[in-house]
């Protein structure tokens, strides 16, 4: 009976060793997969951040360009208003002169 118990203990130890080796292998594989997944996530996040940065920079450039165009338009509008006001006075004087018969 002692021999039988020793054999049972040896079998249990073999099974325990196999389970331990399997667990170590699985843990190693899980760790490697986690590293690969983490690296892929880092790369994906980096790419997304770069795209977002490009979009923000493009928007900023577009905003600056819009502001420049708006400023130019406002300046042109002021110049046209000034010119129109000058011509308006001359036009009114001309019409008045025509009405009273000076020309």
PDB file of N, CA and C in Angstrom:
ATOM      1  N   UNK A   1       0.810  -1.183   0.000  1.00  0.00           N
ATOM      2  CA  UNK A   1       0.000   0.000   0.000  1.00  0.00           C
ATOM      3  C   UNK A   1       0.862   1.258   0.000  1.00  0.00           C
ATOM      4  N   UNK A   2       1.995   1.186   0.673  1.00  0.00           N
ATOM      5  CA  UNK A   2       2.901   2.312   0.678  1.00  0.00           C
ATOM      6  C   UNK A   2       3.390   2.642  -0.727  1.00  0.00           C
ATOM      7  N   UNK A   3       3.703   1.583  -1.457  1.00  0.00           N
ATOM      8  CA  UNK A   3       4.163   1.759  -2.838  1.00  0.00           C
ATOM      9  C   UNK A   3       3.088   2.414  -3.686  1.00  0.00           C
ATOM     10  N   UNK A   4       1.862   2.029  -3.463  1.00  0.00           N
ATOM     11  CA  UNK A   4       0.739   2.599  -4.212  1.00  0.00           C
ATOM     12  C   UNK A   4       0.575   4.085  -3.880  1.00  0.00           C
ATOM     13  N   UNK A   5       0.734   4.425  -2.631  1.00  0.00           N
ATOM     14  CA  UNK A   5       0.620   5.832  -2.213  1.00  0.00           C
ATOM     15  C   UNK A   5       1.743   6.671  -2.817  1.00  0.00           C
ATOM     16  N   UNK A   6       2.911   6.103  -2.864  1.00  0.00           N
ATOM     17  CA  UNK A   6       4.056   6.813  -3.449  1.00  0.00           C
ATOM     18  C   UNK A   6       3.789   7.058  -4.928  1.00  0.00           C
ATOM     19  N   UNK A   7       3.262   6.069  -5.626  1.00  0.00           N
ATOM     20  CA  UNK A   7       2.928   6.214  -7.040  1.00  0.00           C
ATOM     21  C   UNK A   7       1.859   7.294  -7.241  1.00  0.00           C
ATOM     22  N   UNK A   8       0.859   7.330  -6.362  1.00  0.00           N
ATOM     23  CA  UNK A   8      -0.193   8.350  -6.449  1.00  0.00           C
ATOM     24  C   UNK A   8       0.404   9.747  -6.242  1.00  0.00           C
ATOM     25  N   UNK A   9       1.282   9.860  -5.270  1.00  0.00           N
ATOM     26  CA  UNK A   9       1.919  11.156  -4.993  1.00  0.00           C
ATOM     27  C   UNK A   9       2.761  11.587  -6.191  1.00  0.00           C
ATOM     28  N   UNK A  10       3.502  10.633  -6.768  1.00  0.00           N
ATOM     29  CA  UNK A  10       4.318  10.947  -7.944  1.00  0.00           C
ATOM     30  C   UNK A  10       3.452  11.388  -9.127  1.00  0.00           C
ATOM     31  N   UNK A  11       2.336  10.693  -9.333  1.00  0.00           N
ATOM     32  CA  UNK A  11       1.405  11.065 -10.404  1.00  0.00           C
ATOM     33  C   UNK A  11       0.829  12.461 -10.170  1.00  0.00           C
ATOM     34  N   UNK A  12       0.464  12.739  -8.933  1.00  0.00           N
ATOM     35  CA  UNK A  12      -0.080  14.063  -8.590  1.00  0.00           C
ATOM     36  C   UNK A  12       0.972  15.139  -8.826  1.00  0.00           C
ATOM     37  N   UNK A  13       2.225  14.833  -8.462  1.00  0.00           N
ATOM     38  CA  UNK A  13       3.306  15.790  -8.688  1.00  0.00           C
ATOM     39  C   UNK A  13       3.523  16.044 -10.176  1.00  0.00           C
ATOM     40  N   UNK A  14       3.464  14.979 -11.001  1.00  0.00           N
ATOM     41  CA  UNK A  14       3.607  15.124 -12.452  1.00  0.00           C
ATOM     42  C   UNK A  14       2.482  15.998 -13.017  1.00  0.00           C
ATOM     43  N   UNK A  15       1.265  15.732 -12.576  1.00  0.00           N
ATOM     44  CA  UNK A  15       0.128  16.535 -13.037  1.00  0.00           C
ATOM     45  C   UNK A  15       0.282  17.987 -12.599  1.00  0.00           C
ATOM     46  N   UNK A  16       0.714  18.176 -11.367  1.00  0.00           N
ATOM     47  CA  UNK A  16       0.909  19.535 -10.853  1.00  0.00           C
ATOM     48  C   UNK A  16       1.986  20.252 -11.654  1.00  0.00           C
ATOM     49  N   UNK A  17       3.074  19.539 -11.969  1.00  0.00           N
ATOM     50  CA  UNK A  17       4.159  20.124 -12.765  1.00  0.00           C
ATOM     51  C   UNK A  17       3.652  20.490 -14.164  1.00  0.00           C
ATOM     52  N   UNK A  18       2.853  19.595 -14.771  1.00  0.00           N
ATOM     53  CA  UNK A  18       2.305  19.871 -16.102  1.00  0.00           C
ATOM     54  C   UNK A  18       1.373  21.075 -16.059  1.00  0.00           C
ATOM     55  N   UNK A  19       0.553  21.134 -15.037  1.00  0.00           N
ATOM     56  CA  UNK A  19      -0.365  22.272 -14.883  1.00  0.00           C
ATOM     57  C   UNK A  19       0.441  23.556 -14.686  1.00  0.00           C
ATOM     58  N   UNK A  20       1.499  23.478 -13.876  1.00  0.00           N
ATOM     59  CA  UNK A  20       2.342  24.645 -13.618  1.00  0.00           C
ATOM     60  C   UNK A  20       3.005  25.116 -14.910  1.00  0.00           C
ATOM     61  N   UNK A  21       3.573  24.191 -15.686  1.00  0.00           N
ATOM     62  CA  UNK A  21       4.216  24.540 -16.949  1.00  0.00           C
ATOM     63  C   UNK A  21       3.211  25.147 -17.928  1.00  0.00           C
ATOM     64  N   UNK A  22       2.035  24.550 -17.973  1.00  0.00           N
ATOM     65  CA  UNK A  22       0.991  25.081 -18.852  1.00  0.00           C
ATOM     66  C   UNK A  22       0.596  26.493 -18.433  1.00  0.00           C
ATOM     67  N   UNK A  23       0.468  26.718 -17.140  1.00  0.00           N
ATOM     68  CA  UNK A  23       0.106  28.047 -16.630  1.00  0.00           C
ATOM     69  C   UNK A  23       1.207  29.056 -16.933  1.00  0.00           C
ATOM     70  N   UNK A  24       2.475  28.646 -16.770  1.00  0.00           N
ATOM     71  CA  UNK A  24       3.594  29.545 -17.072  1.00  0.00           C
ATOM     72  C   UNK A  24       3.599  29.885 -18.560  1.00  0.00           C
ATOM     73  N   UNK A  25       3.411  28.879 -19.411  1.00  0.00           N
ATOM     74  CA  UNK A  25       3.366  29.121 -20.865  1.00  0.00           C
ATOM     75  C   UNK A  25       2.219  30.049 -21.234  1.00  0.00           C
ATOM     76  N   UNK A  26       1.061  29.787 -20.662  1.00  0.00           N
ATOM     77  CA  UNK A  26      -0.101  30.633 -20.953  1.00  0.00           C
ATOM     78  C   UNK A  26       0.124  32.061 -20.468  1.00  0.00           C
ATOM     79  N   UNK A  27       0.721  32.207 -19.291  1.00  0.00           N
ATOM     80  CA  UNK A  27       1.013  33.542 -18.759  1.00  0.00           C
ATOM     81  C   UNK A  27       1.998  34.278 -19.657  1.00  0.00           C
ATOM     82  N   UNK A  28       3.004  33.558 -20.142  1.00  0.00           N
ATOM     83  CA  UNK A  28       3.985  34.160 -21.044  1.00  0.00           C
ATOM     84  C   UNK A  28       3.312  34.606 -22.341  1.00  0.00           C
ATOM     85  N   UNK A  29       2.466  33.749 -22.882  1.00  0.00           N
ATOM     86  CA  UNK A  29       1.755  34.098 -24.119  1.00  0.00           C
ATOM     87  C   UNK A  29       0.833  35.291 -23.897  1.00  0.00           C
ATOM     88  N   UNK A  30       0.132  35.292 -22.768  1.00  0.00           N
ATOM     89  CA  UNK A  30      -0.761  36.411 -22.465  1.00  0.00           C
ATOM     90  C   UNK A  30       0.023  37.716 -22.316  1.00  0.00           C
ATOM     91  N   UNK A  31       1.179  37.626 -21.677  1.00  0.00           N
ATOM     92  CA  UNK A  31       2.014  38.815 -21.496  1.00  0.00           C
ATOM     93  C   UNK A  31       2.490  39.335 -22.853  1.00  0.00           C
ATOM     94  N   UNK A  32       2.944  38.433 -23.722  1.00  0.00           N
ATOM     95  CA  UNK A  32       3.399  38.844 -25.048  1.00  0.00           C
ATOM     96  C   UNK A  32       2.255  39.438 -25.858  1.00  0.00           C
ATOM     97  N   UNK A  33       1.071  38.826 -25.775  1.00  0.00           N
ATOM     98  CA  UNK A  33      -0.093  39.355 -26.494  1.00  0.00           C
ATOM     99  C   UNK A  33      -0.479  40.728 -25.950  1.00  0.00           C
ATOM    100  N   UNK A  34      -0.404  40.887 -24.642  1.00  0.00           N
ATOM    101  CA  UNK A  34      -0.724  42.183 -24.033  1.00  0.00           C
ATOM    102  C   UNK A  34       0.257  43.250 -24.501  1.00  0.00           C
ATOM    103  N   UNK A  35       1.541  42.883 -24.610  1.00  0.00           N
ATOM    104  CA  UNK A  35       2.540  43.833 -25.110  1.00  0.00           C
ATOM    105  C   UNK A  35       2.234  44.226 -26.553  1.00  0.00           C
ATOM    106  N   UNK A  36       1.900  43.235 -27.384  1.00  0.00           N
ATOM    107  CA  UNK A  36       1.561  43.526 -28.792  1.00  0.00           C
ATOM    108  C   UNK A  36       0.323  44.410 -28.872  1.00  0.00           C
ATOM    109  N   UNK A  37      -0.690  44.080 -28.081  1.00  0.00           N
ATOM    110  CA  UNK A  37      -1.917  44.878 -28.085  1.00  0.00           C
ATOM    111  C   UNK A  37      -1.650  46.303 -27.608  1.00  0.00           C
ATOM    112  N   UNK A  38      -0.828  46.421 -26.569  1.00  0.00           N
ATOM    113  CA  UNK A  38      -0.501  47.757 -26.046  1.00  0.00           C
ATOM    114  C   UNK A  38       0.257  48.564 -27.088  1.00  0.00           C
ATOM    115  N   UNK A  39       1.210  47.943 -27.774  1.00  0.00           N
ATOM    116  CA  UNK A  39       1.977  48.641 -28.801  1.00  0.00           C
ATOM    117  C   UNK A  39       1.066  49.075 -29.949  1.00  0.00           C
ATOM    118  N   UNK A  40       0.162  48.189 -30.346  1.00  0.00           N
ATOM    119  CA  UNK A  40      -0.780  48.539 -31.417  1.00  0.00           C
ATOM    120  C   UNK A  40      -1.665  49.706 -30.986  1.00  0.00           C
ATOM    121  N   UNK A  41      -2.101  49.698 -29.729  1.00  0.00           N
ATOM    122  CA  UNK A  41      -2.941  50.785 -29.228  1.00  0.00           C
ATOM    123  C   UNK A  41      -2.163  52.100 -29.180  1.00  0.00           C
ATOM    124  N   UNK A  42      -0.904  52.021 -28.761  1.00  0.00           N
ATOM    125  CA  UNK A  42      -0.062  53.220 -28.727  1.00  0.00           C
ATOM    126  C   UNK A  42       0.104  53.790 -30.138  1.00  0.00           C
ATOM    127  N   UNK A  43       0.380  52.911 -31.096  1.00  0.00           N
ATOM    128  CA  UNK A  43       0.554  53.361 -32.475  1.00  0.00           C
ATOM    129  C   UNK A  43      -0.735  53.953 -33.032  1.00  0.00           C
ATOM    130  N   UNK A  44      -1.849  53.297 -32.744  1.00  0.00           N
ATOM    131  CA  UNK A  44      -3.145  53.803 -33.220  1.00  0.00           C
ATOM    132  C   UNK A  44      -3.450  55.156 -32.589  1.00  0.00           C
ATOM    133  N   UNK A  45      -3.200  55.279 -31.297  1.00  0.00           N
ATOM    134  CA  UNK A  45      -3.453  56.541 -30.598  1.00  0.00           C
ATOM    135  C   UNK A  45      -2.532  57.636 -31.116  1.00  0.00           C
ATOM    136  N   UNK A  46      -1.264  57.300 -31.348  1.00  0.00           N
ATOM    137  CA  UNK A  46      -0.310  58.271 -31.877  1.00  0.00           C
ATOM    138  C   UNK A  46      -0.761  58.758 -33.261  1.00  0.00           C
ATOM    139  N   UNK A  47      -1.175  57.831 -34.110  1.00  0.00           N
ATOM    140  CA  UNK A  47      -1.629  58.203 -35.452  1.00  0.00           C
ATOM    141  C   UNK A  47      -2.864  59.100 -35.373  1.00  0.00           C
ATOM    142  N   UNK A  48      -3.786  58.757 -34.485  1.00  0.00           N
ATOM    143  CA  UNK A  48      -4.989  59.577 -34.322  1.00  0.00           C
ATOM    144  C   UNK A  48      -4.627  60.962 -33.802  1.00  0.00           C
ATOM    145  N   UNK A  49      -3.695  61.031 -32.868  1.00  0.00           N
ATOM    146  CA  UNK A  49      -3.271  62.320 -32.321  1.00  0.00           C
ATOM    147  C   UNK A  49      -2.587  63.165 -33.390  1.00  0.00           C
ATOM    148  N   UNK A  50      -1.779  62.534 -34.227  1.00  0.00           N
ATOM    149  CA  UNK A  50      -1.126  63.270 -35.305  1.00  0.00           C
ATOM    150  C   UNK A  50      -2.143  63.799 -36.299  1.00  0.00           C
ATOM    151  N   UNK A  51      -3.128  62.993 -36.634  1.00  0.00           N
ATOM    152  CA  UNK A  51      -4.184  63.449 -37.554  1.00  0.00           C
ATOM    153  C   UNK A  51      -4.965  64.613 -36.946  1.00  0.00           C
ATOM    154  N   UNK A  52      -5.275  64.495 -35.672  1.00  0.00           N
ATOM    155  CA  UNK A  52      -5.997  65.578 -34.984  1.00  0.00           C
ATOM    156  C   UNK A  52      -5.151  66.840 -34.961  1.00  0.00           C
ATOM    157  N   UNK A  53      -3.864  66.689 -34.714  1.00  0.00           N
ATOM    158  CA  UNK A  53      -2.971  67.856 -34.704  1.00  0.00           C
ATOM    159  C   UNK A  53      -2.928  68.511 -36.082  1.00  0.00           C
ATOM    160  N   UNK A  54      -2.854  67.693 -37.124  1.00  0.00           N
ATOM    161  CA  UNK A  54      -2.863  68.233 -38.492  1.00  0.00           C
ATOM    162  C   UNK A  54      -4.159  68.988 -38.756  1.00  0.00           C
ATOM    163  N   UNK A  55      -5.285  68.416 -38.303  1.00  0.00           N
ATOM    164  CA  UNK A  55      -6.578  69.067 -38.527  1.00  0.00           C
ATOM    165  C   UNK A  55      -6.655  70.392 -37.778  1.00  0.00           C
ATOM    166  N   UNK A  56      -6.174  70.392 -36.536  1.00  0.00           N
ATOM    167  CA  UNK A  56      -6.202  71.621 -35.735  1.00  0.00           C
ATOM    168  C   UNK A  56      -5.328  72.698 -36.384  1.00  0.00           C
ATOM    169  N   UNK A  57      -4.146  72.289 -36.852  1.00  0.00           N
ATOM    170  CA  UNK A  57      -3.246  73.242 -37.507  1.00  0.00           C
ATOM    171  C   UNK A  57      -3.886  73.767 -38.786  1.00  0.00           C
ATOM    172  N   UNK A  58      -4.500  72.889 -39.555  1.00  0.00           N
ATOM    173  CA  UNK A  58      -5.166  73.316 -40.788  1.00  0.00           C
ATOM    174  C   UNK A  58      -6.304  74.283 -40.476  1.00  0.00           C
ATOM    175  N   UNK A  59      -7.071  73.976 -39.433  1.00  0.00           N
ATOM    176  CA  UNK A  59      -8.156  74.876 -39.032  1.00  0.00           C
ATOM    177  C   UNK A  59      -7.610  76.233 -38.605  1.00  0.00           C
ATOM    178  N   UNK A  60      -6.488  76.214 -37.889  1.00  0.00           N
ATOM    179  CA  UNK A  60      -5.882  77.468 -37.436  1.00  0.00           C
ATOM    180  C   UNK A  60      -5.421  78.288 -38.631  1.00  0.00           C
ATOM    181  N   UNK A  61      -4.803  77.615 -39.600  1.00  0.00           N
ATOM    182  CA  UNK A  61      -4.366  78.328 -40.805  1.00  0.00           C
ATOM    183  C   UNK A  61      -5.572  78.882 -41.565  1.00  0.00           C
ATOM    184  N   UNK A  62      -6.626  78.080 -41.641  1.00  0.00           N
ATOM    185  CA  UNK A  62      -7.831  78.532 -42.335  1.00  0.00           C
ATOM    186  C   UNK A  62      -8.437  79.731 -41.611  1.00  0.00           C
ATOM    187  N   UNK A  63      -8.431  79.689 -40.282  1.00  0.00           N
ATOM    188  CA  UNK A  63      -8.980  80.810 -39.516  1.00  0.00           C
ATOM    189  C   UNK A  63      -8.160  82.070 -39.753  1.00  0.00           C
ATOM    190  N   UNK A  64      -6.836  81.913 -39.771  1.00  0.00           N
ATOM    191  CA  UNK A  64      -5.974  83.067 -40.034  1.00  0.00           C
ATOM    192  C   UNK A  64      -6.234  83.617 -41.434  1.00  0.00           C
ATOM    193  N   UNK A  65      -6.380  82.716 -42.399  1.00  0.00           N
ATOM    194  CA  UNK A  65      -6.637  83.141 -43.777  1.00  0.00           C
ATOM    195  C   UNK A  65      -7.989  83.845 -43.868  1.00  0.00           C
ATOM    196  N   UNK A  66      -8.988  83.309 -43.186  1.00  0.00           N
ATOM    197  CA  UNK A  66     -10.310  83.951 -43.173  1.00  0.00           C
ATOM    198  C   UNK A  66     -10.230  85.341 -42.544  1.00  0.00           C
ATOM    199  N   UNK A  67      -9.489  85.453 -41.456  1.00  0.00           N
ATOM    200  CA  UNK A  67      -9.345  86.750 -40.788  1.00  0.00           C
ATOM    201  C   UNK A  67      -8.631  87.734 -41.698  1.00  0.00           C
ATOM    202  N   UNK A  68      -7.613  87.270 -42.417  1.00  0.00           N
ATOM    203  CA  UNK A  68      -6.887  88.152 -43.340  1.00  0.00           C
ATOM    204  C   UNK A  68      -7.815  88.610 -44.470  1.00  0.00           C
ATOM    205  N   UNK A  69      -8.553  87.678 -45.033  1.00  0.00           N
ATOM    206  CA  UNK A  69      -9.482  88.022 -46.127  1.00  0.00           C
ATOM    207  C   UNK A  69     -10.555  88.974 -45.626  1.00  0.00           C
ATOM    208  N   UNK A  70     -11.076  88.720 -44.417  1.00  0.00           N
ATOM    209  CA  UNK A  70     -12.094  89.590 -43.841  1.00  0.00           C
ATOM    210  C   UNK A  70     -11.539  91.000 -43.641  1.00  0.00           C
ATOM    211  N   UNK A  71     -10.312  91.092 -43.134  1.00  0.00           N
ATOM    212  CA  UNK A  71      -9.695  92.402 -42.911  1.00  0.00           C
ATOM    213  C   UNK A  71      -9.504  93.132 -44.234  1.00  0.00           C
ATOM    214  N   UNK A  72      -9.054  92.407 -45.259  1.00  0.00           N
ATOM    215  CA  UNK A  72      -8.903  93.019 -46.583  1.00  0.00           C
ATOM    216  C   UNK A  72     -10.243  93.507 -47.111  1.00  0.00           C
ATOM    217  N   UNK A  73     -11.262  92.682 -46.962  1.00  0.00           N
ATOM    218  CA  UNK A  73     -12.597  93.048 -47.445  1.00  0.00           C
ATOM    219  C   UNK A  73     -13.122  94.284 -46.721  1.00  0.00           C
ATOM    220  N   UNK A  74     -12.919  94.317 -45.410  1.00  0.00           N
ATOM    221  CA  UNK A  74     -13.377  95.479 -44.649  1.00  0.00           C
ATOM    222  C   UNK A  74     -12.634  96.738 -45.075  1.00  0.00           C
ATOM    223  N   UNK A  75     -11.336  96.613 -45.321  1.00  0.00           N
ATOM    224  CA  UNK A  75     -10.549  97.764 -45.781  1.00  0.00           C
ATOM    225  C   UNK A  75     -11.024  98.214 -47.156  1.00  0.00           C
ATOM    226  N   UNK A  76     -11.250  97.268 -48.053  1.00  0.00           N
ATOM    227  CA  UNK A  76     -11.767  97.613 -49.384  1.00  0.00           C
ATOM    228  C   UNK A  76     -13.128  98.272 -49.281  1.00  0.00           C
ATOM    229  N   UNK A  77     -13.954  97.755 -48.388  1.00  0.00           N
ATOM    230  CA  UNK A  77     -15.287  98.335 -48.200  1.00  0.00           C
ATOM    231  C   UNK A  77     -15.180  99.767 -47.695  1.00  0.00           C
ATOM    232  N   UNK A  78     -14.288 100.022 -46.732  1.00  0.00           N
ATOM    233  CA  UNK A  78     -14.096 101.394 -46.233  1.00  0.00           C
ATOM    234  C   UNK A  78     -13.615 102.326 -47.345  1.00  0.00           C
ATOM    235  N   UNK A  79     -12.687 101.832 -48.147  1.00  0.00           N
ATOM    236  CA  UNK A  79     -12.181 102.654 -49.249  1.00  0.00           C
ATOM    237  C   UNK A  79     -13.299 102.971 -50.240  1.00  0.00           C
ATOM    238  N   UNK A  80     -14.104 101.957 -50.541  1.00  0.00           N
ATOM    239  CA  UNK A  80     -15.223 102.177 -51.476  1.00  0.00           C
ATOM    240  C   UNK A  80     -16.244 103.149 -50.896  1.00  0.00           C
ATOM    241  N   UNK A  81     -16.517 103.046 -49.601  1.00  0.00           N
ATOM    242  CA  UNK A  81     -17.456 103.976 -48.966  1.00  0.00           C
ATOM    243  C   UNK A  81     -16.913 105.402 -49.023  1.00  0.00           C
ATOM    244  N   UNK A  82     -15.625 105.554 -48.753  1.00  0.00           N
ATOM    245  CA  UNK A  82     -15.006 106.882 -48.811  1.00  0.00           C
ATOM    246  C   UNK A  82     -15.084 107.434 -50.224  1.00  0.00           C
ATOM    247  N   UNK A  83     -14.729 106.608 -51.192  1.00  0.00           N
ATOM    248  CA  UNK A  83     -14.782 107.024 -52.591  1.00  0.00           C
ATOM    249  C   UNK A  83     -16.215 107.341 -53.008  1.00  0.00           C
ATOM    250  N   UNK A  84     -17.156 106.519 -52.582  1.00  0.00           N
ATOM    251  CA  UNK A  84     -18.565 106.752 -52.922  1.00  0.00           C
ATOM    252  C   UNK A  84     -19.049 108.059 -52.302  1.00  0.00           C
ATOM    253  N   UNK A  85     -18.643 108.308 -51.056  1.00  0.00           N
ATOM    254  CA  UNK A  85     -19.055 109.555 -50.401  1.00  0.00           C
ATOM    255  C   UNK A  85     -18.512 110.753 -51.158  1.00  0.00           C
ATOM    256  N   UNK A  86     -17.269 110.657 -51.605  1.00  0.00           N
ATOM    257  CA  UNK A  86     -16.694 111.757 -52.375  1.00  0.00           C
ATOM    258  C   UNK A  86     -17.443 111.946 -53.683  1.00  0.00           C
ATOM    259  N   UNK A  87     -17.737 110.878 -54.363  1.00  0.00           N
ATOM    260  CA  UNK A  87     -18.448 110.959 -55.632  1.00  0.00           C
ATOM    261  C   UNK A  87     -19.900 111.386 -55.426  1.00  0.00           C
ATOM    262  N   UNK A  88     -20.464 110.994 -54.313  1.00  0.00           N
ATOM    263  CA  UNK A  88     -21.850 111.366 -54.036  1.00  0.00           C
ATOM    264  C   UNK A  88     -21.988 112.883 -53.954  1.00  0.00           C
ATOM    265  N   UNK A  89     -21.077 113.504 -53.229  1.00  0.00           N
ATOM    266  CA  UNK A  89     -21.126 114.967 -53.117  1.00  0.00           C
ATOM    267  C   UNK A  89     -21.012 115.608 -54.493  1.00  0.00           C
ATOM    268  N   UNK A  90     -20.115 115.109 -55.308  1.00  0.00           N
ATOM    269  CA  UNK A  90     -19.965 115.661 -56.658  1.00  0.00           C
ATOM    270  C   UNK A  90     -21.198 115.394 -57.504  1.00  0.00           C
ATOM    271  N   UNK A  91     -21.784 114.201 -57.347  1.00  0.00           N
ATOM    272  CA  UNK A  91     -22.974 113.845 -58.126  1.00  0.00           C
ATOM    273  C   UNK A  91     -24.147 114.730 -57.732  1.00  0.00           C
ATOM    274  N   UNK A  92     -24.317 114.974 -56.430  1.00  0.00           N
ATOM    275  CA  UNK A  92     -25.409 115.842 -55.966  1.00  0.00           C
ATOM    276  C   UNK A  92     -25.213 117.254 -56.513  1.00  0.00           C
ATOM    277  N   UNK A  93     -24.000 117.718 -56.458  1.00  0.00           N
ATOM    278  CA  UNK A  93     -23.725 119.065 -56.980  1.00  0.00           C
ATOM    279  C   UNK A  93     -24.019 119.129 -58.471  1.00  0.00           C
ATOM    280  N   UNK A  94     -23.659 118.095 -59.200  1.00  0.00           N
ATOM    281  CA  UNK A  94     -23.915 118.061 -60.640  1.00  0.00           C
ATOM    282  C   UNK A  94     -25.412 118.074 -60.927  1.00  0.00           C
ATOM    283  N   UNK A  95     -26.160 117.246 -60.193  1.00  0.00           N
ATOM    284  CA  UNK A  95     -27.616 117.175 -60.406  1.00  0.00           C
ATOM    285  C   UNK A  95     -28.241 118.517 -60.068  1.00  0.00           C
ATOM    286  N   UNK A  96     -27.815 119.113 -58.968  1.00  0.00           N
ATOM    287  CA  UNK A  96     -28.371 120.425 -58.586  1.00  0.00           C
ATOM    288  C   UNK A  96     -28.055 121.477 -59.649  1.00  0.00           C
ATOM    289  N   UNK A  97     -26.839 121.440 -60.141  1.00  0.00           N
ATOM    290  CA  UNK A  97     -26.461 122.372 -61.206  1.00  0.00           C
ATOM    291  C   UNK A  97     -27.319 122.153 -62.444  1.00  0.00           C
ATOM    292  N   UNK A  98     -27.604 120.910 -62.797  1.00  0.00           N
ATOM    293  CA  UNK A  98     -28.435 120.622 -63.976  1.00  0.00           C
ATOM    294  C   UNK A  98     -29.856 121.101 -63.736  1.00  0.00           C
ATOM    295  N   UNK A  99     -30.338 120.935 -62.490  1.00  0.00           N
ATOM    296  CA  UNK A  99     -31.717 121.341 -62.205  1.00  0.00           C
ATOM    297  C   UNK A  99     -31.865 122.868 -62.283  1.00  0.00           C
ATOM    298  N   UNK A 100     -30.889 123.555 -61.840  1.00  0.00           N
ATOM    299  CA  UNK A 100     -31.034 125.009 -61.863  1.00  0.00           C
ATOM    300  C   UNK A 100     -30.521 125.603 -63.167  1.00  0.00           C
ATOM    301  N   UNK A 101     -30.021 124.724 -64.033  1.00  0.00           N
ATOM    302  CA  UNK A 101     -29.662 125.156 -65.357  1.00  0.00           C
ATOM    303  C   UNK A 101     -28.262 125.697 -65.511  1.00  0.00           C
ATOM    304  N   UNK A 102     -27.396 125.426 -64.621  1.00  0.00           N
ATOM    305  CA  UNK A 102     -26.028 125.913 -64.765  1.00  0.00           C
ATOM    306  C   UNK A 102     -25.273 125.150 -65.840  1.00  0.00           C
ATOM    307  N   UNK A 103     -25.634 123.936 -66.120  1.00  0.00           N
ATOM    308  CA  UNK A 103     -24.916 123.200 -67.170  1.00  0.00           C
ATOM    309  C   UNK A 103     -25.819 122.793 -68.267  1.00  0.00           C
TER     310      UNK A 103
END
